[in-house]
Amino acid sequence: MVSALLRGRTVPLFAVSLLSECHLAGAPLPTPMREVAIHVVQARDEVEACARGAEIGSGRKHAYRNMDGENVSWVFQRVVECQTLYDRDLADGMEVSSWLYEGERLCLNDGWSVQSPEPS
């Protein structure tokens, strides 16, 4: 199912990858915990799409108390990647972005990486 926003659109769509980091009591964890969330945005160009992504990322900041009563917060770090979505017909369940990596870590060009989970 395609939303009304996407039908007949003339402005391109982008997949914007946003990096957030978990903080405990206002500081990063000793072993960093990070999330990459991918959002679809409509923008005139990549610069505008990245700016929209940064706005979305900043708005995703949230905080809560964990089971031990400690303050946990998720803090937006940056836009990791912005890709044009060339497919004219977006549909429910369609893949809009993926990350391929070898070995145990996903490494981005600034050296940030994420460890693969241990096999169960």
Foldseek 3Di string as FASTA:
>chain_A
DDDPCLPPDPFWKKWWWWKKWKDWQPHADPPIDMDIDIDIDTDNDQVVVQVVVVVVQQVPWDWDADPVRIIMIIHTDGTQDMGIQPDSDDDPPDDRDDADDDDQWRAGPVGDIDGHDDDD
